[in-house]
PDB file of N, CA and C in Angstrom:
ATOM      1  N   MET A   1      92.431-317.046  19.252  1.00  0.00           N
ATOM      2  CA  MET A   1      91.841-317.886  18.226  1.00  0.00           C
ATOM      3  C   MET A   1      90.888-318.883  18.890  1.00  0.00           C
ATOM      4  N   ARG A   2      89.724-319.015  18.338  1.00  0.00           N
ATOM      5  CA  ARG A   2      88.709-319.911  18.873  1.00  0.00           C
ATOM      6  C   ARG A   2      89.049-321.363  18.578  1.00  0.00           C
ATOM      7  N   LYS A   3      88.856-322.226  19.537  1.00  0.00           N
ATOM      8  CA  LYS A   3      89.115-323.662  19.376  1.00  0.00           C
ATOM      9  C   LYS A   3      88.096-324.252  18.399  1.00  0.00           C
ATOM     10  N   LYS A   4      88.556-325.087  17.478  1.00  0.00           N
ATOM     11  CA  LYS A   4      87.679-325.682  16.468  1.00  0.00           C
ATOM     12  C   LYS A   4      87.131-327.012  16.959  1.00  0.00           C
ATOM     13  N   ASP A   5      85.881-327.277  16.624  1.00  0.00           N
ATOM     14  CA  ASP A   5      85.234-328.542  16.977  1.00  0.00           C
ATOM     15  C   ASP A   5      85.266-329.441  15.742  1.00  0.00           C
ATOM     16  N   PHE A   6      86.178-330.409  15.749  1.00  0.00           N
ATOM     17  CA  PHE A   6      86.388-331.266  14.580  1.00  0.00           C
ATOM     18  C   PHE A   6      85.431-332.451  14.504  1.00  0.00           C
ATOM     19  N   GLN A   7      84.676-332.701  15.554  1.00  0.00           N
ATOM     20  CA  GLN A   7      83.853-333.904  15.615  1.00  0.00           C
ATOM     21  C   GLN A   7      82.829-334.009  14.487  1.00  0.00           C
ATOM     22  N   ASN A   8      82.251-332.925  14.072  1.00  0.00           N
ATOM     23  CA  ASN A   8      81.201-332.974  13.050  1.00  0.00           C
ATOM     24  C   ASN A   8      81.695-332.621  11.647  1.00  0.00           C
ATOM     25  N   TRP A   9      82.989-332.514  11.483  1.00  0.00           N
ATOM     26  CA  TRP A   9      83.528-332.163  10.164  1.00  0.00           C
ATOM     27  C   TRP A   9      83.522-333.378   9.248  1.00  0.00           C
ATOM     28  N   SER A  10      83.345-333.125   7.964  1.00  0.00           N
ATOM     29  CA  SER A  10      83.405-334.212   6.973  1.00  0.00           C
ATOM     30  C   SER A  10      84.861-334.627   6.773  1.00  0.00           C
ATOM     31  N   ARG A  11      85.029-335.787   6.184  1.00  0.00           N
ATOM     32  CA  ARG A  11      86.384-336.289   5.903  1.00  0.00           C
ATOM     33  C   ARG A  11      87.144-335.307   5.018  1.00  0.00           C
ATOM     34  N   GLU A  12      86.478-334.778   4.021  1.00  0.00           N
ATOM     35  CA  GLU A  12      87.097-333.840   3.082  1.00  0.00           C
ATOM     36  C   GLU A  12      87.535-332.555   3.789  1.00  0.00           C
ATOM     37  N   LYS A  13      86.673-332.058   4.689  1.00  0.00           N
ATOM     38  CA  LYS A  13      87.010-330.830   5.406  1.00  0.00           C
ATOM     39  C   LYS A  13      88.192-331.066   6.355  1.00  0.00           C
ATOM     40  N   LEU A  14      88.221-332.240   6.990  1.00  0.00           N
ATOM     41  CA  LEU A  14      89.343-332.585   7.865  1.00  0.00           C
ATOM     42  C   LEU A  14      90.650-332.685   7.078  1.00  0.00           C
ATOM     43  N   LEU A  15      90.604-333.327   5.915  1.00  0.00           N
ATOM     44  CA  LEU A  15      91.797-333.444   5.067  1.00  0.00           C
ATOM     45  C   LEU A  15      92.285-332.074   4.612  1.00  0.00           C
ATOM     46  N   HIS A  16      91.341-331.219   4.247  1.00  0.00           N
ATOM     47  CA  HIS A  16      91.701-329.868   3.820  1.00  0.00           C
ATOM     48  C   HIS A  16      92.375-329.110   4.970  1.00  0.00           C
ATOM     49  N   GLU A  17      91.804-329.207   6.156  1.00  0.00           N
ATOM     50  CA  GLU A  17      92.383-328.546   7.335  1.00  0.00           C
ATOM     51  C   GLU A  17      93.782-329.085   7.630  1.00  0.00           C
ATOM     52  N   TYR A  18      93.953-330.395   7.536  1.00  0.00           N
ATOM     53  CA  TYR A  18      95.258-331.027   7.765  1.00  0.00           C
ATOM     54  C   TYR A  18      96.291-330.504   6.780  1.00  0.00           C
ATOM     55  N   LYS A  19      95.916-330.436   5.503  1.00  0.00           N
ATOM     56  CA  LYS A  19      96.841-329.941   4.474  1.00  0.00           C
ATOM     57  C   LYS A  19      97.218-328.488   4.731  1.00  0.00           C
ATOM     58  N   GLU A  20      96.263-327.686   5.133  1.00  0.00           N
ATOM     59  CA  GLU A  20      96.543-326.275   5.422  1.00  0.00           C
ATOM     60  C   GLU A  20      97.474-326.132   6.633  1.00  0.00           C
ATOM     61  N   LEU A  21      97.216-326.917   7.672  1.00  0.00           N
ATOM     62  CA  LEU A  21      98.060-326.856   8.864  1.00  0.00           C
ATOM     63  C   LEU A  21      99.474-327.355   8.595  1.00  0.00           C
ATOM     64  N   SER A  22      99.612-328.353   7.744  1.00  0.00           N
ATOM     65  CA  SER A  22     100.946-328.903   7.465  1.00  0.00           C
ATOM     66  C   SER A  22     101.813-327.948   6.639  1.00  0.00           C
ATOM     67  N   LYS A  23     101.195-326.939   6.015  1.00  0.00           N
ATOM     68  CA  LYS A  23     101.955-325.950   5.246  1.00  0.00           C
ATOM     69  C   LYS A  23     102.628-324.914   6.145  1.00  0.00           C
ATOM     70  N   ARG A  24     102.138-324.761   7.356  1.00  0.00           N
ATOM     71  CA  ARG A  24     102.665-323.754   8.277  1.00  0.00           C
ATOM     72  C   ARG A  24     104.041-324.128   8.791  1.00  0.00           C
ATOM     73  N   LYS A  25     104.851-323.109   9.043  1.00  0.00           N
ATOM     74  CA  LYS A  25     106.105-323.346   9.757  1.00  0.00           C
ATOM     75  C   LYS A  25     105.742-323.592  11.203  1.00  0.00           C
ATOM     76  N   LYS A  26     106.523-324.436  11.832  1.00  0.00           N
ATOM     77  CA  LYS A  26     106.237-324.818  13.203  1.00  0.00           C
ATOM     78  C   LYS A  26     107.255-324.201  14.151  1.00  0.00           C
ATOM     79  N   PHE A  27     106.898-324.106  15.401  1.00  0.00           N
ATOM     80  CA  PHE A  27     107.837-323.636  16.406  1.00  0.00           C
ATOM     81  C   PHE A  27     108.832-324.739  16.700  1.00  0.00           C
ATOM     82  N   GLY A  28     110.006-324.356  17.120  1.00  0.00           N
ATOM     83  CA  GLY A  28     111.044-325.334  17.419  1.00  0.00           C
ATOM     84  C   GLY A  28     112.067-325.341  16.305  1.00  0.00           C
ATOM     85  N   ILE A  29     112.782-326.401  16.216  1.00  0.00           N
ATOM     86  CA  ILE A  29     113.821-326.510  15.203  1.00  0.00           C
ATOM     87  C   ILE A  29     113.193-326.896  13.874  1.00  0.00           C
ATOM     88  N   VAL A  30     113.468-326.105  12.871  1.00  0.00           N
ATOM     89  CA  VAL A  30     112.982-326.378  11.523  1.00  0.00           C
ATOM     90  C   VAL A  30     114.211-326.638  10.663  1.00  0.00           C
ATOM     91  N   TRP A  31     114.398-327.883  10.237  1.00  0.00           N
ATOM     92  CA  TRP A  31     115.569-328.232   9.426  1.00  0.00           C
ATOM     93  C   TRP A  31     115.281-327.871   7.981  1.00  0.00           C
ATOM     94  N   GLU A  32     115.893-326.802   7.527  1.00  0.00           N
ATOM     95  CA  GLU A  32     115.714-326.366   6.152  1.00  0.00           C
ATOM     96  C   GLU A  32     116.626-327.194   5.261  1.00  0.00           C
ATOM     97  N   ASP A  33     116.098-327.672   4.183  1.00  0.00           N
ATOM     98  CA  ASP A  33     116.879-328.518   3.288  1.00  0.00           C
ATOM     99  C   ASP A  33     117.513-327.648   2.210  1.00  0.00           C
ATOM    100  N   LYS A  34     118.575-326.944   2.606  1.00  0.00           N
ATOM    101  CA  LYS A  34     119.284-326.052   1.692  1.00  0.00           C
ATOM    102  C   LYS A  34     120.666-326.630   1.430  1.00  0.00           C
ATOM    103  N   THR A  35     121.000-326.832   0.193  1.00  0.00           N
ATOM    104  CA  THR A  35     122.310-327.367  -0.158  1.00  0.00           C
ATOM    105  C   THR A  35     123.362-326.292   0.028  1.00  0.00           C
ATOM    106  N   GLU A  36     124.380-326.612   0.811  1.00  0.00           N
ATOM    107  CA  GLU A  36     125.485-325.679   1.029  1.00  0.00           C
ATOM    108  C   GLU A  36     126.538-325.910  -0.044  1.00  0.00           C
ATOM    109  N   GLU A  37     127.099-324.833  -0.562  1.00  0.00           N
ATOM    110  CA  GLU A  37     128.099-324.905  -1.625  1.00  0.00           C
ATOM    111  C   GLU A  37     129.306-325.748  -1.214  1.00  0.00           C
ATOM    112  N   VAL A  38     129.762-325.584   0.034  1.00  0.00           N
ATOM    113  CA  VAL A  38     130.934-326.320   0.493  1.00  0.00           C
ATOM    114  C   VAL A  38     130.662-327.827   0.520  1.00  0.00           C
ATOM    115  N   ALA A  39     129.454-328.226   0.867  1.00  0.00           N
ATOM    116  CA  ALA A  39     129.104-329.652   0.895  1.00  0.00           C
ATOM    117  C   ALA A  39     129.093-330.229  -0.520  1.00  0.00           C
ATOM    118  N   GLU A  40     128.607-329.472  -1.471  1.00  0.00           N
ATOM    119  CA  GLU A  40     128.596-329.929  -2.865  1.00  0.00           C
ATOM    120  C   GLU A  40     130.022-330.040  -3.410  1.00  0.00           C
ATOM    121  N   GLN A  41     130.884-329.087  -3.069  1.00  0.00           N
ATOM    122  CA  GLN A  41     132.275-329.122  -3.527  1.00  0.00           C
ATOM    123  C   GLN A  41     132.985-330.361  -3.002  1.00  0.00           C
ATOM    124  N   CYS A  42     132.724-330.715  -1.752  1.00  0.00           N
ATOM    125  CA  CYS A  42     133.405-331.861  -1.141  1.00  0.00           C
ATOM    126  C   CYS A  42     132.948-333.197  -1.721  1.00  0.00           C
ATOM    127  N   LYS A  43     131.839-333.219  -2.437  1.00  0.00           N
ATOM    128  CA  LYS A  43     131.382-334.462  -3.074  1.00  0.00           C
ATOM    129  C   LYS A  43     132.285-334.842  -4.237  1.00  0.00           C
ATOM    130  N   THR A  44     132.878-333.854  -4.887  1.00  0.00           N
ATOM    131  CA  THR A  44     133.705-334.128  -6.066  1.00  0.00           C
ATOM    132  C   THR A  44     135.175-333.756  -5.885  1.00  0.00           C
ATOM    133  N   HIS A  45     135.483-332.898  -4.926  1.00  0.00           N
ATOM    134  CA  HIS A  45     136.864-332.451  -4.700  1.00  0.00           C
ATOM    135  C   HIS A  45     137.197-332.585  -3.224  1.00  0.00           C
ATOM    136  N   LEU A  46     137.848-333.667  -2.861  1.00  0.00           N
ATOM    137  CA  LEU A  46     138.229-333.880  -1.470  1.00  0.00           C
ATOM    138  C   LEU A  46     139.385-332.955  -1.117  1.00  0.00           C
ATOM    139  N   PRO A  47     139.225-332.148  -0.073  1.00  0.00           N
ATOM    140  CA  PRO A  47     140.325-331.273   0.341  1.00  0.00           C
ATOM    141  C   PRO A  47     141.533-332.112   0.767  1.00  0.00           C
ATOM    142  N   VAL A  48     142.713-331.556   0.622  1.00  0.00           N
ATOM    143  CA  VAL A  48     143.949-332.250   0.986  1.00  0.00           C
ATOM    144  C   VAL A  48     144.606-331.506   2.143  1.00  0.00           C
ATOM    145  N   LEU A  49     144.967-332.262   3.174  1.00  0.00           N
ATOM    146  CA  LEU A  49     145.676-331.667   4.308  1.00  0.00           C
ATOM    147  C   LEU A  49     147.160-331.615   3.982  1.00  0.00           C
ATOM    148  N   LYS A  50     147.791-330.497   4.321  1.00  0.00           N
ATOM    149  CA  LYS A  50     149.221-330.335   4.073  1.00  0.00           C
ATOM    150  C   LYS A  50     149.922-330.182   5.409  1.00  0.00           C
ATOM    151  N   GLU A  51     150.914-331.030   5.653  1.00  0.00           N
ATOM    152  CA  GLU A  51     151.652-330.974   6.909  1.00  0.00           C
ATOM    153  C   GLU A  51     152.633-329.814   6.899  1.00  0.00           C
ATOM    154  N   GLU A  52     152.671-329.091   8.005  1.00  0.00           N
ATOM    155  CA  GLU A  52     153.650-328.029   8.181  1.00  0.00           C
ATOM    156  C   GLU A  52     154.550-328.433   9.337  1.00  0.00           C
ATOM    157  N   LYS A  53     155.772-328.845   9.008  1.00  0.00           N
ATOM    158  CA  LYS A  53     156.718-329.391   9.994  1.00  0.00           C
ATOM    159  C   LYS A  53     156.955-328.434  11.175  1.00  0.00           C
ATOM    160  N   LYS A  54     156.950-327.141  10.909  1.00  0.00           N
ATOM    161  CA  LYS A  54     157.229-326.186  11.990  1.00  0.00           C
ATOM    162  C   LYS A  54     156.079-326.093  13.003  1.00  0.00           C
ATOM    163  N   LYS A  55     154.924-326.660  12.675  1.00  0.00           N
ATOM    164  CA  LYS A  55     153.778-326.623  13.591  1.00  0.00           C
ATOM    165  C   LYS A  55     153.446-327.992  14.182  1.00  0.00           C
ATOM    166  N   VAL A  56     154.375-328.925  14.125  1.00  0.00           N
ATOM    167  CA  VAL A  56     154.151-330.279  14.640  1.00  0.00           C
ATOM    168  C   VAL A  56     153.961-330.235  16.153  1.00  0.00           C
ATOM    169  N   ILE A  57     152.996-330.995  16.628  1.00  0.00           N
ATOM    170  CA  ILE A  57     152.762-331.127  18.065  1.00  0.00           C
ATOM    171  C   ILE A  57     153.407-332.438  18.487  1.00  0.00           C
ATOM    172  N   SER A  58     154.446-332.341  19.282  1.00  0.00           N
ATOM    173  CA  SER A  58     155.162-333.557  19.667  1.00  0.00           C
ATOM    174  C   SER A  58     154.750-334.010  21.064  1.00  0.00           C
ATOM    175  N   SER A  59     154.925-335.290  21.282  1.00  0.00           N
ATOM    176  CA  SER A  59     154.603-335.906  22.561  1.00  0.00           C
ATOM    177  C   SER A  59     155.746-336.826  22.957  1.00  0.00           C
ATOM    178  N   ASN A  60     155.913-337.031  24.232  1.00  0.00           N
ATOM    179  CA  ASN A  60     156.947-337.955  24.698  1.00  0.00           C
ATOM    180  C   ASN A  60     156.547-339.405  24.474  1.00  0.00           C
ATOM    181  N   LYS A  61     155.282-339.629  24.290  1.00  0.00           N
ATOM    182  CA  LYS A  61     154.798-340.988  24.078  1.00  0.00           C
ATOM    183  C   LYS A  61     154.809-341.292  22.579  1.00  0.00           C
ATOM    184  N   ALA A  62     155.574-342.279  22.185  1.00  0.00           N
ATOM    185  CA  ALA A  62     155.753-342.602  20.768  1.00  0.00           C
ATOM    186  C   ALA A  62     154.479-343.156  20.121  1.00  0.00           C
ATOM    187  N   ASP A  63     153.585-343.697  20.921  1.00  0.00           N
ATOM    188  CA  ASP A  63     152.401-344.342  20.336  1.00  0.00           C
ATOM    189  C   ASP A  63     151.200-343.404  20.195  1.00  0.00           C
ATOM    190  N   ILE A  64     151.357-342.124  20.534  1.00  0.00           N
ATOM    191  CA  ILE A  64     150.246-341.182  20.443  1.00  0.00           C
ATOM    192  C   ILE A  64     150.539-340.147  19.369  1.00  0.00           C
ATOM    193  N   ASP A  65     149.610-339.992  18.447  1.00  0.00           N
ATOM    194  CA  ASP A  65     149.723-338.970  17.402  1.00  0.00           C
ATOM    195  C   ASP A  65     148.692-337.890  17.657  1.00  0.00           C
ATOM    196  N   HIS A  66     149.120-336.650  17.557  1.00  0.00           N
ATOM    197  CA  HIS A  66     148.214-335.514  17.697  1.00  0.00           C
ATOM    198  C   HIS A  66     148.247-334.749  16.384  1.00  0.00           C
ATOM    199  N   VAL A  67     147.086-334.305  15.954  1.00  0.00           N
ATOM    200  CA  VAL A  67     147.014-333.534  14.720  1.00  0.00           C
ATOM    201  C   VAL A  67     146.242-332.257  15.000  1.00  0.00           C
ATOM    202  N   PHE A  68     146.807-331.148  14.596  1.00  0.00           N
ATOM    203  CA  PHE A  68     146.133-329.856  14.700  1.00  0.00           C
ATOM    204  C   PHE A  68     145.814-329.420  13.276  1.00  0.00           C
ATOM    205  N   ILE A  69     144.548-329.192  12.993  1.00  0.00           N
ATOM    206  CA  ILE A  69     144.146-328.787  11.643  1.00  0.00           C
ATOM    207  C   ILE A  69     143.561-327.385  11.729  1.00  0.00           C
ATOM    208  N   GLN A  70     144.114-326.491  10.951  1.00  0.00           N
ATOM    209  CA  GLN A  70     143.583-325.139  10.886  1.00  0.00           C
ATOM    210  C   GLN A  70     142.948-324.968   9.515  1.00  0.00           C
ATOM    211  N   GLY A  71     141.687-324.649   9.498  1.00  0.00           N
ATOM    212  CA  GLY A  71     140.998-324.474   8.226  1.00  0.00           C
ATOM    213  C   GLY A  71     139.497-324.525   8.398  1.00  0.00           C
ATOM    214  N   ASP A  72     138.811-324.659   7.291  1.00  0.00           N
ATOM    215  CA  ASP A  72     137.355-324.738   7.303  1.00  0.00           C
ATOM    216  C   ASP A  72     136.906-326.028   7.991  1.00  0.00           C
ATOM    217  N   ASN A  73     135.960-325.931   8.924  1.00  0.00           N
ATOM    218  CA  ASN A  73     135.485-327.105   9.664  1.00  0.00           C
ATOM    219  C   ASN A  73     134.972-328.196   8.734  1.00  0.00           C
ATOM    220  N   TYR A  74     134.164-327.815   7.763  1.00  0.00           N
ATOM    221  CA  TYR A  74     133.566-328.815   6.877  1.00  0.00           C
ATOM    222  C   TYR A  74     134.640-329.540   6.070  1.00  0.00           C
ATOM    223  N   HIS A  75     135.606-328.779   5.553  1.00  0.00           N
ATOM    224  CA  HIS A  75     136.694-329.396   4.783  1.00  0.00           C
ATOM    225  C   HIS A  75     137.500-330.357   5.648  1.00  0.00           C
ATOM    226  N   ALA A  76     137.871-329.906   6.834  1.00  0.00           N
ATOM    227  CA  ALA A  76     138.685-330.734   7.724  1.00  0.00           C
ATOM    228  C   ALA A  76     137.944-332.008   8.125  1.00  0.00           C
ATOM    229  N   LEU A  77     136.672-331.870   8.480  1.00  0.00           N
ATOM    230  CA  LEU A  77     135.893-333.046   8.891  1.00  0.00           C
ATOM    231  C   LEU A  77     135.668-334.002   7.720  1.00  0.00           C
ATOM    232  N   SER A  78     135.530-333.465   6.518  1.00  0.00           N
ATOM    233  CA  SER A  78     135.380-334.325   5.329  1.00  0.00           C
ATOM    234  C   SER A  78     136.625-335.171   5.117  1.00  0.00           C
ATOM    235  N   VAL A  79     137.789-334.537   5.252  1.00  0.00           N
ATOM    236  CA  VAL A  79     139.044-335.267   5.079  1.00  0.00           C
ATOM    237  C   VAL A  79     139.195-336.323   6.165  1.00  0.00           C
ATOM    238  N   LEU A  80     138.972-335.939   7.410  1.00  0.00           N
ATOM    239  CA  LEU A  80     139.116-336.890   8.517  1.00  0.00           C
ATOM    240  C   LEU A  80     138.129-338.051   8.403  1.00  0.00           C
ATOM    241  N   ASN A  81     136.955-337.791   7.901  1.00  0.00           N
ATOM    242  CA  ASN A  81     135.977-338.860   7.705  1.00  0.00           C
ATOM    243  C   ASN A  81     136.478-339.872   6.676  1.00  0.00           C
ATOM    244  N   TYR A  82     137.287-339.403   5.763  1.00  0.00           N
ATOM    245  CA  TYR A  82     137.855-340.275   4.731  1.00  0.00           C
ATOM    246  C   TYR A  82     139.139-340.964   5.223  1.00  0.00           C
ATOM    247  N   THR A  83     140.016-340.210   5.877  1.00  0.00           N
ATOM    248  CA  THR A  83     141.334-340.745   6.245  1.00  0.00           C
ATOM    249  C   THR A  83     141.395-341.390   7.632  1.00  0.00           C
ATOM    250  N   HIS A  84     140.523-340.981   8.547  1.00  0.00           N
ATOM    251  CA  HIS A  84     140.611-341.444   9.930  1.00  0.00           C
ATOM    252  C   HIS A  84     139.275-341.967  10.470  1.00  0.00           C
ATOM    253  N   LYS A  85     138.449-342.507   9.622  1.00  0.00           N
ATOM    254  CA  LYS A  85     137.132-342.973  10.046  1.00  0.00           C
ATOM    255  C   LYS A  85     137.255-343.966  11.212  1.00  0.00           C
ATOM    256  N   LYS A  86     136.518-343.697  12.286  1.00  0.00           N
ATOM    257  CA  LYS A  86     136.480-344.520  13.504  1.00  0.00           C
ATOM    258  C   LYS A  86     137.834-344.612  14.218  1.00  0.00           C
ATOM    259  N   LYS A  87     138.726-343.639  13.978  1.00  0.00           N
ATOM    260  CA  LYS A  87     140.039-343.642  14.614  1.00  0.00           C
ATOM    261  C   LYS A  87     140.301-342.373  15.426  1.00  0.00           C
ATOM    262  N   VAL A  88     139.321-341.502  15.518  1.00  0.00           N
ATOM    263  CA  VAL A  88     139.502-340.225  16.202  1.00  0.00           C
ATOM    264  C   VAL A  88     138.757-340.256  17.531  1.00  0.00           C
ATOM    265  N   ASP A  89     139.455-339.867  18.595  1.00  0.00           N
ATOM    266  CA  ASP A  89     138.839-339.849  19.924  1.00  0.00           C
ATOM    267  C   ASP A  89     138.097-338.545  20.195  1.00  0.00           C
ATOM    268  N   VAL A  90     138.719-337.413  19.853  1.00  0.00           N
ATOM    269  CA  VAL A  90     138.136-336.122  20.179  1.00  0.00           C
ATOM    270  C   VAL A  90     138.373-335.144  19.038  1.00  0.00           C
ATOM    271  N   ILE A  91     137.344-334.359  18.741  1.00  0.00           N
ATOM    272  CA  ILE A  91     137.485-333.255  17.791  1.00  0.00           C
ATOM    273  C   ILE A  91     136.922-332.019  18.467  1.00  0.00           C
ATOM    274  N   PHE A  92     137.709-330.968  18.504  1.00  0.00           N
ATOM    275  CA  PHE A  92     137.260-329.691  19.054  1.00  0.00           C
ATOM    276  C   PHE A  92     137.164-328.721  17.888  1.00  0.00           C
ATOM    277  N   ILE A  93     135.962-328.231  17.631  1.00  0.00           N
ATOM    278  CA  ILE A  93     135.794-327.248  16.567  1.00  0.00           C
ATOM    279  C   ILE A  93     135.187-325.991  17.166  1.00  0.00           C
ATOM    280  N   ASP A  94     135.368-324.909  16.493  1.00  0.00           N
ATOM    281  CA  ASP A  94     134.829-323.631  16.933  1.00  0.00           C
ATOM    282  C   ASP A  94     133.879-323.138  15.850  1.00  0.00           C
ATOM    283  N   PRO A  95     132.621-323.592  15.902  1.00  0.00           N
ATOM    284  CA  PRO A  95     131.689-323.187  14.853  1.00  0.00           C
ATOM    285  C   PRO A  95     131.290-321.718  15.000  1.00  0.00           C
ATOM    286  N   PRO A  96     131.090-321.043  13.901  1.00  0.00           N
ATOM    287  CA  PRO A  96     130.658-319.641  13.957  1.00  0.00           C
ATOM    288  C   PRO A  96     129.203-319.562  14.421  1.00  0.00           C
ATOM    289  N   TYR A  97     128.871-318.504  15.097  1.00  0.00           N
ATOM    290  CA  TYR A  97     127.485-318.301  15.501  1.00  0.00           C
ATOM    291  C   TYR A  97     127.107-316.843  15.341  1.00  0.00           C
ATOM    292  N   ASN A  98     126.482-316.533  14.230  1.00  0.00           N
ATOM    293  CA  ASN A  98     125.964-315.188  13.959  1.00  0.00           C
ATOM    294  C   ASN A  98     126.947-314.095  14.372  1.00  0.00           C
ATOM    295  N   THR A  99     128.148-314.211  13.836  1.00  0.00           N
ATOM    296  CA  THR A  99     129.220-313.284  14.215  1.00  0.00           C
ATOM    297  C   THR A  99     129.115-311.938  13.518  1.00  0.00           C
ATOM    298  N   GLY A 100     128.360-311.882  12.447  1.00  0.00           N
ATOM    299  CA  GLY A 100     128.303-310.647  11.672  1.00  0.00           C
ATOM    300  C   GLY A 100     129.402-310.590  10.638  1.00  0.00           C
ATOM    301  N   SER A 101     130.282-311.558  10.655  1.00  0.00           N
ATOM    302  CA  SER A 101     131.384-311.613   9.707  1.00  0.00           C
ATOM    303  C   SER A 101     130.841-311.819   8.289  1.00  0.00           C
ATOM    304  N   GLN A 102     131.430-311.154   7.335  1.00  0.00           N
ATOM    305  CA  GLN A 102     130.950-311.254   5.957  1.00  0.00           C
ATOM    306  C   GLN A 102     131.829-312.129   5.073  1.00  0.00           C
ATOM    307  N   HIS A 103     132.898-312.739   5.624  1.00  0.00           N
ATOM    308  CA  HIS A 103     133.836-313.479   4.782  1.00  0.00           C
ATOM    309  C   HIS A 103     133.514-314.971   4.682  1.00  0.00           C
ATOM    310  N   TRP A 104     132.409-315.393   5.187  1.00  0.00           N
ATOM    311  CA  TRP A 104     132.040-316.801   5.042  1.00  0.00           C
ATOM    312  C   TRP A 104     130.616-316.893   4.554  1.00  0.00           C
ATOM    313  N   ILE A 105     130.224-318.054   4.030  1.00  0.00           N
ATOM    314  CA  ILE A 105     128.962-318.210   3.308  1.00  0.00           C
ATOM    315  C   ILE A 105     127.732-317.868   4.144  1.00  0.00           C
ATOM    316  N   TYR A 106     127.619-318.415   5.345  1.00  0.00           N
ATOM    317  CA  TYR A 106     126.457-318.123   6.188  1.00  0.00           C
ATOM    318  C   TYR A 106     126.771-316.901   7.015  1.00  0.00           C
ATOM    319  N   ASN A 107     126.011-315.856   6.841  1.00  0.00           N
ATOM    320  CA  ASN A 107     126.215-314.685   7.692  1.00  0.00           C
ATOM    321  C   ASN A 107     124.871-314.049   8.026  1.00  0.00           C
ATOM    322  N   ASN A 108     124.905-313.103   8.912  1.00  0.00           N
ATOM    323  CA  ASN A 108     123.674-312.511   9.422  1.00  0.00           C
ATOM    324  C   ASN A 108     122.824-311.840   8.359  1.00  0.00           C
ATOM    325  N   SER A 109     123.421-311.436   7.255  1.00  0.00           N
ATOM    326  CA  SER A 109     122.624-310.747   6.244  1.00  0.00           C
ATOM    327  C   SER A 109     121.644-311.688   5.556  1.00  0.00           C
ATOM    328  N   TYR A 110     121.809-312.999   5.718  1.00  0.00           N
ATOM    329  CA  TYR A 110     120.871-313.960   5.141  1.00  0.00           C
ATOM    330  C   TYR A 110     119.662-314.196   6.038  1.00  0.00           C
ATOM    331  N   VAL A 111     119.769-313.831   7.306  1.00  0.00           N
ATOM    332  CA  VAL A 111     118.693-314.067   8.257  1.00  0.00           C
ATOM    333  C   VAL A 111     118.308-312.733   8.883  1.00  0.00           C
ATOM    334  N   GLU A 112     117.037-312.392   8.782  1.00  0.00           N
ATOM    335  CA  GLU A 112     116.567-311.134   9.355  1.00  0.00           C
ATOM    336  C   GLU A 112     116.750-311.134  10.871  1.00  0.00           C
ATOM    337  N   LYS A 113     117.035-309.982  11.421  1.00  0.00           N
ATOM    338  CA  LYS A 113     117.303-309.854  12.852  1.00  0.00           C
ATOM    339  C   LYS A 113     116.146-310.364  13.709  1.00  0.00           C
ATOM    340  N   ASP A 114     114.916-310.097  13.274  1.00  0.00           N
ATOM    341  CA  ASP A 114     113.754-310.506  14.070  1.00  0.00           C
ATOM    342  C   ASP A 114     113.135-311.821  13.586  1.00  0.00           C
ATOM    343  N   ASP A 115     113.846-312.566  12.761  1.00  0.00           N
ATOM    344  CA  ASP A 115     113.363-313.866  12.270  1.00  0.00           C
ATOM    345  C   ASP A 115     113.247-314.838  13.440  1.00  0.00           C
ATOM    346  N   ARG A 116     112.045-315.343  13.677  1.00  0.00           N
ATOM    347  CA  ARG A 116     111.832-316.256  14.805  1.00  0.00           C
ATOM    348  C   ARG A 116     112.539-317.592  14.605  1.00  0.00           C
ATOM    349  N   PHE A 117     112.979-317.870  13.394  1.00  0.00           N
ATOM    350  CA  PHE A 117     113.611-319.148  13.089  1.00  0.00           C
ATOM    351  C   PHE A 117     115.120-319.017  12.890  1.00  0.00           C
ATOM    352  N   LYS A 118     115.714-317.882  13.303  1.00  0.00           N
ATOM    353  CA  LYS A 118     117.144-317.679  13.037  1.00  0.00           C
ATOM    354  C   LYS A 118     118.016-318.744  13.704  1.00  0.00           C
ATOM    355  N   HIS A 119     117.641-319.194  14.887  1.00  0.00           N
ATOM    356  CA  HIS A 119     118.435-320.227  15.553  1.00  0.00           C
ATOM    357  C   HIS A 119     118.273-321.571  14.835  1.00  0.00           C
ATOM    358  N   SER A 120     117.067-321.858  14.379  1.00  0.00           N
ATOM    359  CA  SER A 120     116.833-323.088  13.625  1.00  0.00           C
ATOM    360  C   SER A 120     117.609-323.072  12.317  1.00  0.00           C
ATOM    361  N   LYS A 121     117.665-321.911  11.675  1.00  0.00           N
ATOM    362  CA  LYS A 121     118.402-321.807  10.423  1.00  0.00           C
ATOM    363  C   LYS A 121     119.894-322.003  10.652  1.00  0.00           C
ATOM    364  N   TRP A 122     120.415-321.504  11.783  1.00  0.00           N
ATOM    365  CA  TRP A 122     121.816-321.710  12.106  1.00  0.00           C
ATOM    366  C   TRP A 122     122.074-323.193  12.347  1.00  0.00           C
ATOM    367  N   LEU A 123     121.176-323.861  13.083  1.00  0.00           N
ATOM    368  CA  LEU A 123     121.340-325.296  13.341  1.00  0.00           C
ATOM    369  C   LEU A 123     121.261-326.102  12.044  1.00  0.00           C
ATOM    370  N   SER A 124     120.400-325.685  11.116  1.00  0.00           N
ATOM    371  CA  SER A 124     120.331-326.351   9.815  1.00  0.00           C
ATOM    372  C   SER A 124     121.670-326.224   9.096  1.00  0.00           C
ATOM    373  N   PHE A 125     122.243-325.030   9.163  1.00  0.00           N
ATOM    374  CA  PHE A 125     123.556-324.791   8.561  1.00  0.00           C
ATOM    375  C   PHE A 125     124.611-325.668   9.215  1.00  0.00           C
ATOM    376  N   MET A 126     124.571-325.776  10.543  1.00  0.00           N
ATOM    377  CA  MET A 126     125.562-326.541  11.284  1.00  0.00           C
ATOM    378  C   MET A 126     125.356-328.054  11.193  1.00  0.00           C
ATOM    379  N   SER A 127     124.147-328.492  10.867  1.00  0.00           N
ATOM    380  CA  SER A 127     123.869-329.949  10.872  1.00  0.00           C
ATOM    381  C   SER A 127     124.757-330.706   9.900  1.00  0.00           C
ATOM    382  N   LYS A 128     125.142-330.073   8.808  1.00  0.00           N
ATOM    383  CA  LYS A 128     126.013-330.733   7.855  1.00  0.00           C
ATOM    384  C   LYS A 128     127.434-330.794   8.392  1.00  0.00           C
TER     385      LYS A 128
END
């Protein structure tokens, strides 16, 4: 592509060029503003954690509590944000990454194999 000489362009032509360029997708991370169903559900229905006594993680130190949560990452983090805000030291989650699995909302069938933005789309999904 030939380099354009913008010095002699009119204001109107420059504005038109700017508008056209701003419509293009860019390289790098593109945060798509797509509402996820799980995020909308959590706005009105807070998930509830249920304790299972047989899976309690005990410690010899009486002042330390450990909690193991098995479930959807978004649901668990939503609950913890409500019940334990600024009280959690570490959270280890195992986010999915283009596993090919069909049992969860984001899966490979939504993103074409050769889509140059597939990693950005995954990060957009994970940002919430």
